[in-house]
Amino acid sequence: MFTKLLHTGDIDGMLGLYAADACFARPNGDVLIGHEQLRPILTSLVKEDRRMESEVIQAVVSDDIAILYTDFRGTRVDTAGERVDVRDRAIEVLRRQSDGSWKLIIGDPKGRQR
C-alpha cells in the first residue's frame, strides 16, 4: 500500500499508515516521532520522484504486534536530475488496530543494512 500511495503522491495517505506516535529511525541515528516529524520525510520521497517496489521477506506476528523485514527496490531523482538506484532493507513494527487494520509504529528503512 505504501508504494502505491507514494507513486500517486498521496502524503496524507502515507501518513495514515503510521500510528500518530510512530517512530522513524534516520540513518544518522536521529529518531523522528509522530506525523508532524514524518511529513517532511514522506514529502521528500515524493519530491525525489521515488519509484519503489517492496517485498516483505519475513513477517513475525505475535498477537497484535508484527515485525516485518521488507526489501525496497527502485529509483529516485538526485539533485542533478539523474535517476539513481535505491535499495533499502527495512525493519518495520506494526500494531493491529481495533478495526483489524495495521499501523506502523516503528520504521527503520535501513535497519538491515547496518
Protein backbone atom coordinates (compact mmCIF):
# COMPACT_ATOMS: atom_id res chain seq x y z
CA MET A 1 0.00 0.00 0.00
CA PHE A 2 2.84 2.40 0.87
CA THR A 3 4.39 2.25 -2.61
CA LYS A 4 1.01 2.77 -4.32
CA LEU A 5 0.39 5.88 -2.22
CA LEU A 6 3.96 7.07 -2.85
CA HIS A 7 3.56 6.75 -6.62
CA THR A 8 0.40 8.86 -6.53
CA GLY A 9 1.99 11.47 -4.25
CA ASP A 10 -0.60 10.88 -1.51
CA ILE A 11 1.34 12.10 1.53
CA ASP A 12 -1.72 12.12 3.80
CA GLY A 13 -2.49 8.57 2.73
CA MET A 14 1.08 7.50 3.53
CA LEU A 15 0.85 9.20 6.94
CA GLY A 16 -2.37 7.30 7.57
CA LEU A 17 -0.38 4.06 7.51
CA TYR A 18 1.57 5.26 10.57
CA ALA A 19 0.28 5.44 14.15
CA ALA A 20 0.05 9.02 15.43
CA ASP A 21 3.04 8.38 17.73
CA ALA A 22 5.07 6.29 15.25
CA CYS A 23 8.87 6.38 15.44
CA PHE A 24 11.06 6.57 12.34
CA ALA A 25 14.80 5.88 12.53
CA ARG A 26 17.01 8.05 10.33
CA PRO A 27 20.36 6.73 9.02
CA ASN A 28 22.19 9.37 11.10
CA GLY A 29 20.73 7.93 14.32
CA ASP A 30 18.01 10.55 14.82
CA VAL A 31 14.55 9.24 15.65
CA LEU A 32 11.52 11.15 14.41
CA ILE A 33 8.27 10.76 16.33
CA GLY A 34 4.74 11.49 15.14
CA HIS A 35 3.08 12.61 11.94
CA GLU A 36 4.42 16.17 12.01
CA GLN A 37 8.01 14.95 12.07
CA LEU A 38 7.31 12.23 9.48
CA ARG A 39 5.58 14.52 6.98
CA PRO A 40 8.80 16.18 5.68
CA ILE A 41 10.42 12.76 5.13
CA LEU A 42 7.46 11.49 3.13
CA THR A 43 7.24 14.78 1.23
CA SER A 44 10.90 14.44 0.23
CA LEU A 45 10.24 10.94 -1.13
CA VAL A 46 7.51 12.35 -3.36
CA LYS A 47 9.70 15.28 -4.47
CA GLU A 48 12.51 12.84 -5.36
CA ASP A 49 10.03 11.06 -7.66
CA ARG A 50 10.77 7.76 -5.93
CA ARG A 51 9.55 4.72 -7.81
CA MET A 52 9.69 1.75 -5.48
CA GLU A 53 8.66 -1.85 -5.24
CA SER A 54 8.55 -3.62 -1.91
CA GLU A 55 8.73 -7.23 -0.84
CA VAL A 56 8.12 -8.49 2.67
CA ILE A 57 10.87 -11.05 3.16
CA GLN A 58 9.62 -12.26 6.53
CA ALA A 59 6.80 -11.40 8.90
CA VAL A 60 6.69 -12.44 12.55
CA VAL A 61 3.37 -11.88 14.29
CA SER A 62 2.62 -12.14 18.00
CA ASP A 63 -0.94 -11.24 18.94
CA ASP A 64 -1.39 -7.59 17.87
CA ILE A 65 2.26 -6.85 17.05
CA ALA A 66 4.09 -7.74 13.84
CA ILE A 67 7.66 -7.22 12.73
CA LEU A 68 8.29 -7.09 9.00
CA TYR A 69 11.59 -7.47 7.20
CA THR A 70 10.93 -5.58 3.98
CA ASP A 71 13.13 -5.00 0.94
CA PHE A 72 12.52 -1.85 -1.09
CA ARG A 73 13.97 -1.50 -4.60
CA GLY A 74 13.59 1.32 -7.05
CA THR A 75 14.88 4.66 -8.22
CA ARG A 76 14.82 8.33 -7.28
CA VAL A 77 15.87 11.54 -8.98
CA ASP A 78 19.04 13.04 -7.44
CA THR A 79 19.91 16.74 -7.14
CA ALA A 80 21.50 16.69 -10.63
CA GLY A 81 18.24 15.42 -12.12
CA GLU A 82 19.60 11.93 -12.75
CA ARG A 83 17.67 8.78 -11.88
CA VAL A 84 19.66 6.64 -9.42
CA ASP A 85 19.04 3.23 -7.87
CA VAL A 86 17.70 2.96 -4.33
CA ARG A 87 17.85 -0.16 -2.18
CA ASP A 88 16.65 -0.32 1.41
CA ARG A 89 16.39 -3.32 3.72
CA ALA A 90 13.87 -2.21 6.33
CA ILE A 91 12.69 -3.38 9.70
CA GLU A 92 9.12 -2.33 10.44
CA VAL A 93 6.99 -2.90 13.54
CA LEU A 94 3.21 -2.71 13.24
CA ARG A 95 0.34 -2.86 15.71
CA ARG A 96 -3.11 -4.23 14.90
CA GLN A 97 -5.84 -1.64 15.39
CA SER A 98 -9.27 -2.28 16.95
CA ASP A 99 -10.79 -2.35 13.44
CA GLY A 100 -8.37 -5.12 12.36
CA SER A 101 -6.13 -2.88 10.25
CA TRP A 102 -2.40 -2.48 10.93
CA LYS A 103 -0.46 0.74 11.58
CA LEU A 104 3.27 1.20 11.53
CA ILE A 105 4.62 2.08 14.97
CA ILE A 106 8.38 1.80 14.31
CA GLY A 107 10.12 2.08 10.96
CA ASP A 108 13.80 1.75 10.21
CA PRO A 109 14.24 1.76 6.40
CA LYS A 110 17.93 0.88 6.58
CA GLY A 111 17.73 -1.32 9.68
CA ARG A 112 19.16 -4.41 8.00
CA GLN A 113 21.93 -2.52 6.18
CA ARG A 114 23.99 -1.57 9.21
